[in-house]
Amino acid sequence: MAEQENNNLLEEDEEKKATLLADDLASLENYIHDLFNFSPLPICFVSPIGVLLEVNPAFEALSQLKSYELIGEPIEKLFPKEKIEEVAKETMEKGSVKGVEMTFFSKNNKEIPVQVFTRVRKDEKGEIVGYFLGLFDLSDIKKAGEELKKSQIALMNMLEDTEEAWKVSEEEKTRTQEIIKSLTDGLLVFDKDNKLFLMNPQAEKFFGIEKEKLIGKTISELFHFPELRPLAALLGREIKRLFREELKITENFILEVSTIPLTVRGKSMGYLVVLHDVSREKIVERMKTEFVSIAAHQLRTPLSAIKWTLKMLLEGDLGEITPEQREFVEKTYESNERMIRLINDLLNVTRIEEGRYLYKPVPYDIIKLIQSVIDTYKDEFPKRKLIFEFKKPKEKLPEVMVDVEKMSLAFQNLLDNAIKYTPEGGKVTVAVEYDKKEIVVSVKDSGVGIPKNQQERVFSKFFRAANVLKRETEGSGLGLFITKNIIEAHEGKIWFESEEGKGTTFYFSLPTTISR
């Protein structure tokens, strides 16, 4: 009887161990799956017969196709058939392929130069069940030579560790730790109580502090360490969701911070904090901005001299000129004016990026500001055969705090675009509304509109829609970028509605002096 009871206890104990081991394995598989999904490198899993079985979000982004459009499709759909067949054969024979260059076909057969890395995946019996295939985009390879080497190493490590992650539980734990240690990004992992329980070597290097001093500390306790104080302030005492938020450590050391919630079977297990060093990119960007500023300033002086010389010729200060000479001088003067406007736009962009664009905000009547800009275009409307309407409230509006010169430029850019891109017989309408909290200004036209697939780039630097390039060759593509920054610097918002071939309406709102 006693022996039977002992056997029952042993069986129960074995069942508990098996259950715990299964739960542990499931948790690890979920963790590795999260790591696979959040990898910045495009990775997919391919069956032995060349069919896509799984893709991560980075692979979807590169291909511009959704997972359901990819899974079940032959891999040769995305690569030249002969080359991908050679890669698959070599992978099956040798176990892996490293750095094979070929062309990747994304949506609409767009060709992207890539390097391909593969590694076979085997089950617990040692049987090949397919292979992992990772990609490295070579489009900007010449701009990042050193980064390429690091990324190749990181890609191969990630492929190797991802393959190993599908093995038994203890191997998965070891491999996961190796991934974390080998990443070029800094990693911090906080548990569900917001206590730091993992910090990789790159994060230690970033902050110049050993992890042993920090493990087990809460966010609040990290405030006691000067090196971690800026990061702790950004994360918040209760870690918040962040995506590529900039964190300036020193003048020439800047990190991008992203936080990723870790969950197992829907239960929160903490947060992963990814630290990406963007110092080099920011230094290059600053150098580019400084170069543009210097070049623009150097060009401004001779252009101004040319302008006044041409003006003296046109006004007869240097003697009479023939009608034919006048025509050539006027064309030259207008071309010089376009160059001056471009230089001014470039200087404005530089000031915006340096955070020194607004100078003199004062309380001002927005109707008066808008009317003054409209008055400068009073000859343009009949000249272009356009119908113009200005709708304004009957009651007097409260004043807004604006830099009059800059806000006039912002509205002028919107009105100028509406006039330029509206054909003869079209209509331009300016309207002002007030809802007791803010003033909303709109500029509506019946012009060419903005193609839907280009609308998200409207406020980018140097953007010009494809349909207007054919119609209006002039323009730097900086006007809306400058306008957006002016509006937002005034604590306002700007947005638009547009349909190609029917017209566009731009809106911007500004808080009044009453609502501040």
Protein backbone atom coordinates (compact mmCIF):
# COMPACT_ATOMS: atom_id res chain seq x y z
CA MET A 1 0.00 0.00 0.00
CA ALA A 2 2.81 2.40 0.99
CA GLU A 3 4.71 1.50 -2.17
CA GLN A 4 1.62 2.32 -4.27
CA GLU A 5 1.27 5.74 -2.59
CA ASN A 6 4.96 6.48 -3.24
CA ASN A 7 4.51 5.61 -6.91
CA ASN A 8 1.49 7.95 -7.15
CA LEU A 9 3.47 10.79 -5.56
CA LEU A 10 6.34 10.21 -7.98
CA GLU A 11 3.95 10.27 -10.92
CA GLU A 12 2.35 13.52 -9.69
CA ASP A 13 5.81 15.04 -9.22
CA GLU A 14 6.81 14.04 -12.77
CA GLU A 15 3.59 15.50 -14.17
CA LYS A 16 4.23 18.82 -12.37
CA LYS A 17 7.79 18.94 -13.72
CA ALA A 18 6.56 18.18 -17.21
CA THR A 19 3.91 20.92 -16.94
CA LEU A 20 6.43 23.46 -15.68
CA LEU A 21 8.87 22.50 -18.43
CA ALA A 22 6.15 22.84 -21.07
CA ASP A 23 5.12 26.26 -19.70
CA ASP A 24 8.76 27.35 -19.66
CA LEU A 25 9.22 26.20 -23.23
CA ALA A 26 6.04 27.99 -24.36
CA SER A 27 7.16 31.18 -22.65
CA LEU A 28 10.55 31.00 -24.35
CA GLU A 29 8.98 30.32 -27.72
CA ASN A 30 6.73 33.38 -27.29
CA TYR A 31 9.72 35.45 -26.26
CA ILE A 32 11.76 34.36 -29.27
CA HIS A 33 8.75 34.94 -31.52
CA ASP A 34 8.52 38.52 -30.18
CA LEU A 35 12.25 38.98 -30.83
CA PHE A 36 11.79 37.62 -34.37
CA ASN A 37 8.90 40.03 -34.99
CA PHE A 38 10.68 43.09 -33.59
CA SER A 39 13.92 42.42 -35.48
CA PRO A 40 14.81 45.42 -37.69
CA LEU A 41 16.28 42.97 -40.24
CA PRO A 42 13.97 41.32 -42.83
CA ILE A 43 13.77 37.57 -42.04
CA CYS A 44 11.59 34.79 -43.41
CA PHE A 45 11.31 31.02 -42.97
CA VAL A 46 11.19 28.89 -46.14
CA SER A 47 10.12 25.26 -46.47
CA PRO A 48 12.43 22.65 -48.10
CA ILE A 49 10.38 22.95 -51.32
CA GLY A 50 10.81 26.73 -51.47
CA VAL A 51 7.49 27.97 -50.03
CA LEU A 52 7.33 30.94 -47.65
CA LEU A 53 6.02 29.81 -44.24
CA GLU A 54 6.64 32.85 -42.03
CA VAL A 55 7.82 36.45 -42.41
CA ASN A 56 8.57 39.16 -39.87
CA PRO A 57 7.28 42.79 -40.06
CA ALA A 58 10.64 44.04 -41.40
CA PHE A 59 10.29 41.59 -44.32
CA GLU A 60 6.75 42.87 -44.96
CA ALA A 61 8.03 46.46 -44.95
CA LEU A 62 10.82 45.73 -47.45
CA SER A 63 8.53 43.80 -49.79
CA GLN A 64 5.63 46.26 -49.33
CA LEU A 65 3.37 43.21 -49.07
CA LYS A 66 1.33 41.90 -46.14
CA SER A 67 2.13 38.55 -44.54
CA TYR A 68 -1.03 36.97 -45.96
CA GLU A 69 0.13 38.00 -49.45
CA LEU A 70 3.52 36.35 -48.89
CA ILE A 71 2.89 33.18 -46.89
CA GLY A 72 2.29 30.20 -49.15
CA GLU A 73 3.97 31.86 -52.12
CA PRO A 74 7.13 30.40 -53.75
CA ILE A 75 10.33 32.18 -52.71
CA GLU A 76 11.32 32.46 -56.39
CA LYS A 77 8.53 35.06 -56.76
CA LEU A 78 10.76 37.51 -54.87
CA PHE A 79 14.13 36.70 -56.46
CA PRO A 80 15.61 35.72 -59.85
CA LYS A 81 14.67 32.04 -60.17
CA GLU A 82 18.08 30.60 -61.04
CA LYS A 83 19.94 32.49 -58.31
CA ILE A 84 17.53 31.66 -55.50
CA GLU A 85 17.53 28.02 -56.54
CA GLU A 86 21.36 28.00 -56.28
CA VAL A 87 21.15 29.59 -52.83
CA ALA A 88 18.55 27.04 -51.67
CA LYS A 89 20.63 24.12 -52.95
CA GLU A 90 23.82 25.38 -51.29
CA THR A 91 21.93 25.98 -48.03
CA MET A 92 20.62 22.42 -47.95
CA GLU A 93 24.08 21.03 -48.73
CA LYS A 94 26.30 23.25 -46.57
CA GLY A 95 23.89 24.46 -43.88
CA SER A 96 24.16 28.18 -44.62
CA VAL A 97 24.93 30.86 -47.19
CA LYS A 98 26.53 34.19 -46.30
CA GLY A 99 26.32 37.48 -48.16
CA VAL A 100 25.16 36.44 -51.64
CA GLU A 101 24.24 39.56 -53.62
CA MET A 102 21.11 39.46 -55.75
CA THR A 103 18.02 41.44 -56.66
CA PHE A 104 14.92 41.41 -54.46
CA PHE A 105 11.55 42.10 -56.13
CA SER A 106 9.19 44.09 -53.90
CA LYS A 107 5.62 45.13 -54.71
CA ASN A 108 5.11 46.16 -58.36
CA ASN A 109 8.40 44.40 -59.19
CA LYS A 110 10.49 47.20 -57.76
CA GLU A 111 14.10 46.00 -57.78
CA ILE A 112 16.09 46.29 -54.54
CA PRO A 113 19.75 45.20 -54.33
CA VAL A 114 20.23 42.96 -51.27
CA GLN A 115 22.62 40.53 -49.63
CA VAL A 116 21.11 37.17 -48.74
CA PHE A 117 22.02 35.10 -45.68
CA THR A 118 20.56 31.67 -44.96
CA ARG A 119 20.78 28.95 -42.33
CA VAL A 120 19.02 25.61 -42.23
CA ARG A 121 16.64 24.77 -39.44
CA LYS A 122 16.53 21.21 -38.10
CA ASP A 123 14.05 19.56 -35.77
CA GLU A 124 15.00 17.70 -32.59
CA LYS A 125 15.73 14.58 -34.68
CA GLY A 126 18.22 16.44 -36.82
CA GLU A 127 15.95 16.45 -39.88
CA ILE A 128 15.97 19.58 -42.08
CA VAL A 129 12.56 21.28 -41.90
CA GLY A 130 13.45 24.37 -43.94
CA TYR A 131 15.75 27.33 -43.70
CA PHE A 132 15.84 30.90 -42.42
CA LEU A 133 16.53 33.59 -45.02
CA GLY A 134 17.62 37.07 -43.99
CA LEU A 135 18.16 40.16 -46.13
CA PHE A 136 20.37 43.21 -45.94
CA ASP A 137 19.28 46.16 -48.09
CA LEU A 138 22.26 47.43 -50.13
CA SER A 139 20.54 50.56 -51.47
CA ASP A 140 22.54 52.91 -49.26
CA ILE A 141 25.60 50.69 -49.01
CA LYS A 142 28.09 53.33 -50.17
CA LYS A 143 26.97 55.72 -47.45
CA ALA A 144 27.48 53.26 -44.63
CA GLY A 145 30.51 51.07 -45.28
CA GLU A 146 31.44 50.49 -41.68
CA GLU A 147 27.86 50.00 -40.62
CA LEU A 148 27.53 47.30 -43.29
CA LYS A 149 30.15 45.13 -41.62
CA LYS A 150 28.50 45.47 -38.25
CA SER A 151 25.07 44.78 -39.71
CA GLN A 152 26.33 41.69 -41.56
CA ILE A 153 27.70 40.32 -38.31
CA ALA A 154 24.48 41.20 -36.47
CA LEU A 155 22.40 39.63 -39.24
CA MET A 156 24.36 36.35 -39.19
CA ASN A 157 24.27 36.25 -35.39
CA MET A 158 20.54 36.85 -35.42
CA LEU A 159 19.94 34.14 -38.03
CA GLU A 160 22.07 31.67 -36.09
CA ASP A 161 20.47 32.55 -32.77
CA THR A 162 16.96 32.53 -34.26
CA GLU A 163 17.54 29.02 -35.60
CA GLU A 164 18.92 27.85 -32.25
CA ALA A 165 15.93 29.38 -30.47
CA TRP A 166 13.69 26.59 -31.79
CA LYS A 167 15.58 23.91 -29.89
CA VAL A 168 15.19 22.68 -26.32
CA SER A 169 14.46 25.13 -23.52
CA GLU A 170 17.95 25.44 -22.01
CA GLU A 171 19.52 26.07 -25.43
CA GLU A 172 16.89 28.72 -26.14
CA LYS A 173 17.76 30.57 -22.94
CA THR A 174 21.47 30.52 -23.77
CA ARG A 175 20.97 31.64 -27.34
CA THR A 176 18.63 34.47 -26.35
CA GLN A 177 21.26 35.82 -23.97
CA GLU A 178 23.87 35.61 -26.72
CA ILE A 179 21.65 37.63 -29.07
CA ILE A 180 21.26 40.32 -26.46
CA LYS A 181 25.00 40.45 -25.81
CA SER A 182 25.96 40.63 -29.49
CA LEU A 183 23.52 43.34 -30.62
CA THR A 184 25.04 46.69 -31.58
CA ASP A 185 22.03 48.42 -30.01
CA GLY A 186 21.83 48.86 -26.26
CA LEU A 187 19.15 46.78 -24.53
CA LEU A 188 17.52 47.22 -21.13
CA VAL A 189 14.86 44.80 -19.90
CA PHE A 190 12.51 45.72 -17.05
CA ASP A 191 10.21 43.23 -15.31
CA LYS A 192 6.53 43.78 -14.55
CA ASP A 193 7.48 45.74 -11.39
CA ASN A 194 9.64 48.10 -13.51
CA LYS A 195 12.85 46.68 -12.03
CA LEU A 196 15.86 46.36 -14.32
CA PHE A 197 16.85 42.70 -14.65
CA LEU A 198 18.96 42.70 -17.84
CA MET A 199 21.41 45.12 -19.41
CA ASN A 200 23.59 44.20 -22.38
CA PRO A 201 27.25 45.24 -22.83
CA GLN A 202 26.41 47.89 -25.43
CA ALA A 203 24.08 49.63 -22.96
CA GLU A 204 26.86 49.52 -20.35
CA LYS A 205 29.18 51.11 -22.90
CA PHE A 206 26.64 53.81 -23.79
CA PHE A 207 26.26 54.98 -20.19
CA GLY A 208 29.73 54.11 -18.88
CA ILE A 209 28.40 52.14 -15.93
CA GLU A 210 28.52 48.46 -14.96
CA LYS A 211 25.24 46.56 -14.96
CA GLU A 212 25.94 45.07 -11.50
CA LYS A 213 25.30 48.52 -10.01
CA LEU A 214 21.89 48.77 -11.70
CA ILE A 215 20.32 45.31 -11.81
CA GLY A 216 17.27 45.16 -9.51
CA LYS A 217 16.81 48.94 -9.45
CA THR A 218 13.43 50.53 -10.26
CA ILE A 219 13.00 53.49 -12.59
CA SER A 220 12.73 55.78 -9.56
CA GLU A 221 16.03 54.48 -8.20
CA LEU A 222 17.76 55.05 -11.56
CA PHE A 223 17.26 58.79 -10.99
CA HIS A 224 20.03 58.54 -8.35
CA PHE A 225 22.57 57.72 -11.07
CA PRO A 226 23.57 60.86 -13.05
CA GLU A 227 24.41 58.77 -16.12
CA LEU A 228 20.89 57.29 -16.25
CA ARG A 229 18.89 60.34 -15.16
CA PRO A 230 18.02 61.62 -18.69
CA LEU A 231 16.88 58.15 -19.74
CA ALA A 232 14.84 57.63 -16.56
CA ALA A 233 13.12 60.99 -17.10
CA LEU A 234 12.24 60.04 -20.69
CA LEU A 235 10.89 56.60 -19.75
CA GLY A 236 8.81 57.89 -16.83
CA ARG A 237 8.28 56.21 -13.49
CA GLU A 238 5.68 54.01 -15.18
CA ILE A 239 7.36 53.08 -18.45
CA LYS A 240 5.49 54.59 -21.40
CA ARG A 241 5.39 53.56 -25.03
CA LEU A 242 8.10 55.29 -27.06
CA PHE A 243 9.19 54.93 -30.67
CA ARG A 244 12.49 56.40 -31.82
CA GLU A 245 12.41 59.27 -29.31
CA GLU A 246 15.67 61.21 -29.32
CA LEU A 247 17.73 61.32 -26.13
CA LYS A 248 20.68 63.73 -26.12
CA ILE A 249 23.40 62.44 -23.80
CA THR A 250 26.12 64.90 -24.90
CA GLU A 251 26.51 67.31 -27.80
CA ASN A 252 27.85 64.56 -30.08
CA PHE A 253 26.20 61.50 -28.52
CA ILE A 254 22.50 61.02 -29.29
CA LEU A 255 20.41 57.89 -28.84
CA GLU A 256 17.03 56.89 -30.26
CA VAL A 257 14.90 55.21 -27.58
CA SER A 258 12.10 52.73 -28.27
CA THR A 259 10.13 50.71 -25.71
CA ILE A 260 8.51 47.37 -26.50
CA PRO A 261 6.06 45.64 -24.11
CA LEU A 262 6.92 41.99 -23.42
CA THR A 263 3.93 39.68 -23.12
CA VAL A 264 3.50 35.93 -22.66
CA ARG A 265 0.07 34.52 -23.52
CA GLY A 266 -1.42 38.00 -23.23
CA LYS A 267 0.12 38.69 -19.82
CA SER A 268 2.48 41.64 -19.40
CA MET A 269 5.98 40.56 -18.40
CA GLY A 270 7.69 43.95 -18.55
CA TYR A 271 9.34 46.19 -21.13
CA LEU A 272 12.26 45.95 -23.52
CA VAL A 273 14.05 49.28 -24.03
CA VAL A 274 16.09 49.56 -27.25
CA LEU A 275 18.82 52.22 -27.49
CA HIS A 276 20.05 52.98 -31.00
CA ASP A 277 23.07 55.25 -31.51
CA VAL A 278 22.26 57.92 -34.14
CA SER A 279 25.16 60.23 -33.28
CA ARG A 280 26.84 59.83 -36.67
CA GLU A 281 23.63 60.57 -38.59
CA LYS A 282 22.96 63.67 -36.46
CA ILE A 283 26.52 64.96 -36.91
CA VAL A 284 26.24 64.51 -40.69
CA GLU A 285 22.83 66.22 -40.65
CA ARG A 286 24.24 69.13 -38.65
CA MET A 287 27.21 69.45 -41.01
CA LYS A 288 24.83 69.43 -43.97
CA THR A 289 22.71 72.15 -42.39
CA GLU A 290 25.81 74.25 -41.65
CA PHE A 291 27.01 73.82 -45.23
CA VAL A 292 23.64 74.92 -46.64
CA SER A 293 23.63 77.92 -44.32
CA ILE A 294 27.15 79.01 -45.28
CA ALA A 295 26.56 78.44 -49.00
CA ALA A 296 23.26 80.33 -48.90
CA HIS A 297 24.82 83.29 -47.08
CA GLN A 298 27.71 83.38 -49.54
CA LEU A 299 25.33 83.36 -52.51
CA ARG A 300 23.02 85.98 -51.07
CA THR A 301 25.49 88.88 -51.35
CA PRO A 302 26.37 88.51 -55.06
CA LEU A 303 22.73 87.84 -55.93
CA SER A 304 21.69 91.03 -54.17
CA ALA A 305 24.37 92.95 -56.07
CA ILE A 306 23.12 91.47 -59.35
CA LYS A 307 19.54 92.41 -58.40
CA TRP A 308 20.36 96.08 -57.78
CA THR A 309 22.51 96.34 -60.91
CA LEU A 310 19.69 94.90 -63.03
CA LYS A 311 17.20 97.22 -61.33
CA MET A 312 19.37 100.24 -62.16
CA LEU A 313 19.44 99.12 -65.80
CA LEU A 314 15.65 98.73 -65.88
CA GLU A 315 15.07 102.11 -64.24
CA GLY A 316 17.42 103.86 -66.66
CA ASP A 317 19.97 104.91 -64.05
CA LEU A 318 22.77 103.58 -66.28
CA GLY A 319 21.39 104.99 -69.51
CA GLU A 320 18.58 104.16 -71.89
CA ILE A 321 18.19 100.58 -73.17
CA THR A 322 16.31 99.28 -76.19
CA PRO A 323 13.01 97.33 -75.84
CA GLU A 324 14.84 94.16 -76.86
CA GLN A 325 17.52 94.75 -74.23
CA ARG A 326 14.82 95.49 -71.64
CA GLU A 327 13.11 92.16 -72.37
CA PHE A 328 16.35 90.24 -71.78
CA VAL A 329 17.17 92.21 -68.62
CA GLU A 330 13.64 91.64 -67.21
CA LYS A 331 13.96 87.88 -67.76
CA THR A 332 17.36 87.91 -66.08
CA TYR A 333 15.94 89.96 -63.19
CA GLU A 334 13.08 87.47 -62.67
CA SER A 335 15.50 84.51 -62.76
CA ASN A 336 17.68 86.26 -60.19
CA GLU A 337 14.59 86.87 -58.01
CA ARG A 338 13.80 83.13 -58.12
CA MET A 339 17.34 82.38 -56.97
CA ILE A 340 16.99 84.87 -54.11
CA ARG A 341 13.68 83.26 -53.05
CA LEU A 342 15.33 79.83 -53.10
CA ILE A 343 18.24 81.11 -50.99
CA ASN A 344 15.78 82.65 -48.51
CA ASP A 345 13.89 79.35 -48.30
CA LEU A 346 17.12 77.46 -47.63
CA LEU A 347 18.08 79.94 -44.91
CA ASN A 348 14.61 79.62 -43.36
CA VAL A 349 14.95 75.82 -43.31
CA THR A 350 18.35 76.16 -41.64
CA ARG A 351 16.93 78.49 -38.97
CA ILE A 352 14.02 76.10 -38.37
CA GLU A 353 16.36 73.13 -37.90
CA GLU A 354 18.50 75.18 -35.51
CA GLY A 355 15.41 76.21 -33.51
CA ARG A 356 15.87 79.95 -33.98
CA TYR A 357 13.19 80.86 -36.50
CA LEU A 358 10.57 82.81 -34.52
CA TYR A 359 11.71 86.17 -33.24
CA LYS A 360 8.87 88.56 -32.32
CA PRO A 361 5.51 87.02 -31.33
CA VAL A 362 2.99 89.81 -30.54
CA PRO A 363 -0.82 89.99 -30.13
CA TYR A 364 -2.24 90.60 -33.60
CA ASP A 365 -5.51 90.63 -35.58
CA ILE A 366 -5.45 87.54 -37.83
CA ILE A 367 -7.97 89.09 -40.27
CA LYS A 368 -5.71 92.09 -40.76
CA LEU A 369 -2.71 89.79 -41.37
CA ILE A 370 -4.57 87.67 -43.93
CA GLN A 371 -6.03 90.71 -45.71
CA SER A 372 -2.56 92.27 -46.08
CA VAL A 373 -1.32 89.12 -47.83
CA ILE A 374 -4.41 88.90 -50.06
CA ASP A 375 -3.90 92.52 -51.12
CA THR A 376 -0.50 91.66 -52.59
CA TYR A 377 -2.23 89.17 -54.92
CA LYS A 378 -5.11 91.42 -56.03
CA ASP A 379 -3.71 91.67 -59.57
CA GLU A 380 -3.01 87.94 -59.83
CA PHE A 381 -6.64 86.77 -59.69
CA PRO A 382 -7.89 88.65 -62.80
CA LYS A 383 -4.59 87.99 -64.56
CA ARG A 384 -5.04 84.22 -64.09
CA LYS A 385 -8.85 84.46 -64.57
CA LEU A 386 -9.62 83.04 -61.15
CA ILE A 387 -12.64 83.62 -58.91
CA PHE A 388 -11.60 84.64 -55.38
CA GLU A 389 -13.69 84.77 -52.19
CA PHE A 390 -12.73 85.73 -48.63
CA LYS A 391 -15.18 84.50 -45.97
CA LYS A 392 -14.69 86.04 -42.54
CA PRO A 393 -16.80 86.20 -39.35
CA LYS A 394 -18.98 89.25 -38.80
CA GLU A 395 -17.94 89.65 -35.17
CA LYS A 396 -14.49 90.90 -34.17
CA LEU A 397 -12.12 88.03 -33.39
CA PRO A 398 -9.75 87.88 -30.39
CA GLU A 399 -6.10 88.45 -31.19
CA VAL A 400 -3.54 85.70 -31.66
CA MET A 401 0.11 85.67 -30.56
CA VAL A 402 2.10 85.60 -33.79
CA ASP A 403 5.38 86.55 -35.35
CA VAL A 404 3.68 88.70 -37.98
CA GLU A 405 6.39 88.34 -40.62
CA LYS A 406 6.62 84.54 -40.30
CA MET A 407 2.87 83.95 -40.09
CA SER A 408 2.37 86.15 -43.17
CA LEU A 409 4.91 83.96 -44.98
CA ALA A 410 3.05 80.78 -43.90
CA PHE A 411 -0.30 82.06 -45.21
CA GLN A 412 1.36 83.45 -48.35
CA ASN A 413 2.81 79.99 -49.15
CA LEU A 414 -0.66 78.42 -48.92
CA LEU A 415 -2.35 81.12 -50.99
CA ASP A 416 0.45 81.13 -53.57
CA ASN A 417 0.13 77.35 -54.06
CA ALA A 418 -3.65 77.63 -54.45
CA ILE A 419 -3.23 80.29 -57.16
CA LYS A 420 -0.41 78.52 -59.02
CA TYR A 421 -2.08 75.13 -59.19
CA THR A 422 -5.63 76.24 -60.08
CA PRO A 423 -6.38 76.45 -63.82
CA GLU A 424 -8.18 79.36 -65.50
CA GLY A 425 -11.83 79.64 -64.48
CA GLY A 426 -11.15 77.96 -61.16
CA LYS A 427 -11.94 79.29 -57.70
CA VAL A 428 -9.85 80.06 -54.61
CA THR A 429 -11.60 80.55 -51.26
CA VAL A 430 -10.07 81.77 -48.01
CA ALA A 431 -12.20 81.29 -44.88
CA VAL A 432 -11.73 82.14 -41.19
CA GLU A 433 -13.76 80.51 -38.40
CA TYR A 434 -13.73 80.88 -34.62
CA ASP A 435 -15.00 78.30 -32.11
CA LYS A 436 -14.20 80.14 -28.82
CA LYS A 437 -11.00 78.12 -28.33
CA GLU A 438 -9.05 78.61 -31.52
CA ILE A 439 -9.16 80.31 -34.90
CA VAL A 440 -9.21 78.03 -37.96
CA VAL A 441 -8.08 79.38 -41.35
CA SER A 442 -8.66 77.46 -44.57
CA VAL A 443 -7.40 77.98 -48.14
CA LYS A 444 -9.46 76.04 -50.67
CA ASP A 445 -8.83 75.71 -54.40
CA SER A 446 -10.38 73.84 -57.33
CA GLY A 447 -7.00 72.95 -58.76
CA VAL A 448 -5.08 69.82 -59.69
CA GLY A 449 -5.13 68.22 -56.23
CA ILE A 450 -2.51 65.93 -54.69
CA PRO A 451 -2.20 62.25 -55.67
CA LYS A 452 -3.32 60.02 -52.80
CA ASN A 453 -0.15 57.94 -52.81
CA GLN A 454 1.97 61.08 -52.30
CA GLN A 455 -0.10 62.85 -49.66
CA GLU A 456 1.90 61.61 -46.67
CA ARG A 457 4.99 63.39 -48.03
CA VAL A 458 3.33 66.78 -48.52
CA PHE A 459 5.11 68.48 -45.60
CA SER A 460 8.54 66.96 -46.35
CA LYS A 461 11.49 69.03 -47.48
CA PHE A 462 11.86 69.38 -51.27
CA PHE A 463 8.60 67.52 -52.00
CA ARG A 464 6.68 68.38 -55.15
CA ALA A 465 3.82 66.21 -56.41
CA ALA A 466 4.34 64.48 -59.75
CA ASN A 467 1.27 66.07 -61.33
CA VAL A 468 2.40 69.64 -60.61
CA LEU A 469 5.92 69.15 -61.93
CA LYS A 470 4.42 68.93 -65.42
CA ARG A 471 2.33 72.07 -64.87
CA GLU A 472 4.56 74.42 -62.84
CA THR A 473 8.31 73.93 -63.10
CA GLU A 474 9.16 76.68 -60.59
CA GLY A 475 9.34 75.98 -56.87
CA SER A 476 11.79 74.57 -54.34
CA GLY A 477 9.47 72.15 -52.54
CA LEU A 478 10.25 73.92 -49.25
CA GLY A 479 7.16 76.13 -48.85
CA LEU A 480 4.89 73.66 -47.04
CA PHE A 481 7.75 72.38 -44.87
CA ILE A 482 8.41 75.96 -43.73
CA THR A 483 4.67 76.66 -43.31
CA LYS A 484 4.16 73.58 -41.12
CA ASN A 485 7.06 74.51 -38.85
CA ILE A 486 5.82 78.10 -38.52
CA ILE A 487 2.30 76.96 -37.57
CA GLU A 488 3.56 74.38 -35.06
CA ALA A 489 5.97 76.90 -33.54
CA HIS A 490 2.87 78.99 -32.78
CA GLU A 491 1.32 75.96 -30.97
CA GLY A 492 -1.03 75.49 -33.91
CA LYS A 493 -1.91 72.58 -36.18
CA ILE A 494 -1.98 72.21 -39.96
CA TRP A 495 -3.72 69.59 -42.10
CA PHE A 496 -5.32 69.21 -45.51
CA GLU A 497 -7.91 67.42 -47.63
CA SER A 498 -7.27 66.74 -51.29
CA GLU A 499 -8.54 64.77 -54.27
CA GLU A 500 -6.54 64.63 -57.46
CA GLY A 501 -8.24 66.55 -60.25
CA LYS A 502 -10.77 68.24 -57.92
CA GLY A 503 -8.72 70.46 -55.63
CA THR A 504 -7.17 70.86 -52.20
CA THR A 505 -8.09 72.56 -48.94
CA PHE A 506 -5.39 73.42 -46.40
CA TYR A 507 -6.40 74.21 -42.83
CA PHE A 508 -4.46 75.61 -39.91
CA SER A 509 -5.56 76.47 -36.39
CA LEU A 510 -4.08 78.93 -33.89
CA PRO A 511 -4.87 79.39 -30.19
CA THR A 512 -6.17 82.84 -29.30
CA THR A 513 -4.76 85.05 -26.56
CA ILE A 514 -7.95 84.28 -24.58
CA SER A 515 -7.50 80.49 -24.71
CA ARG A 516 -3.83 80.56 -23.66
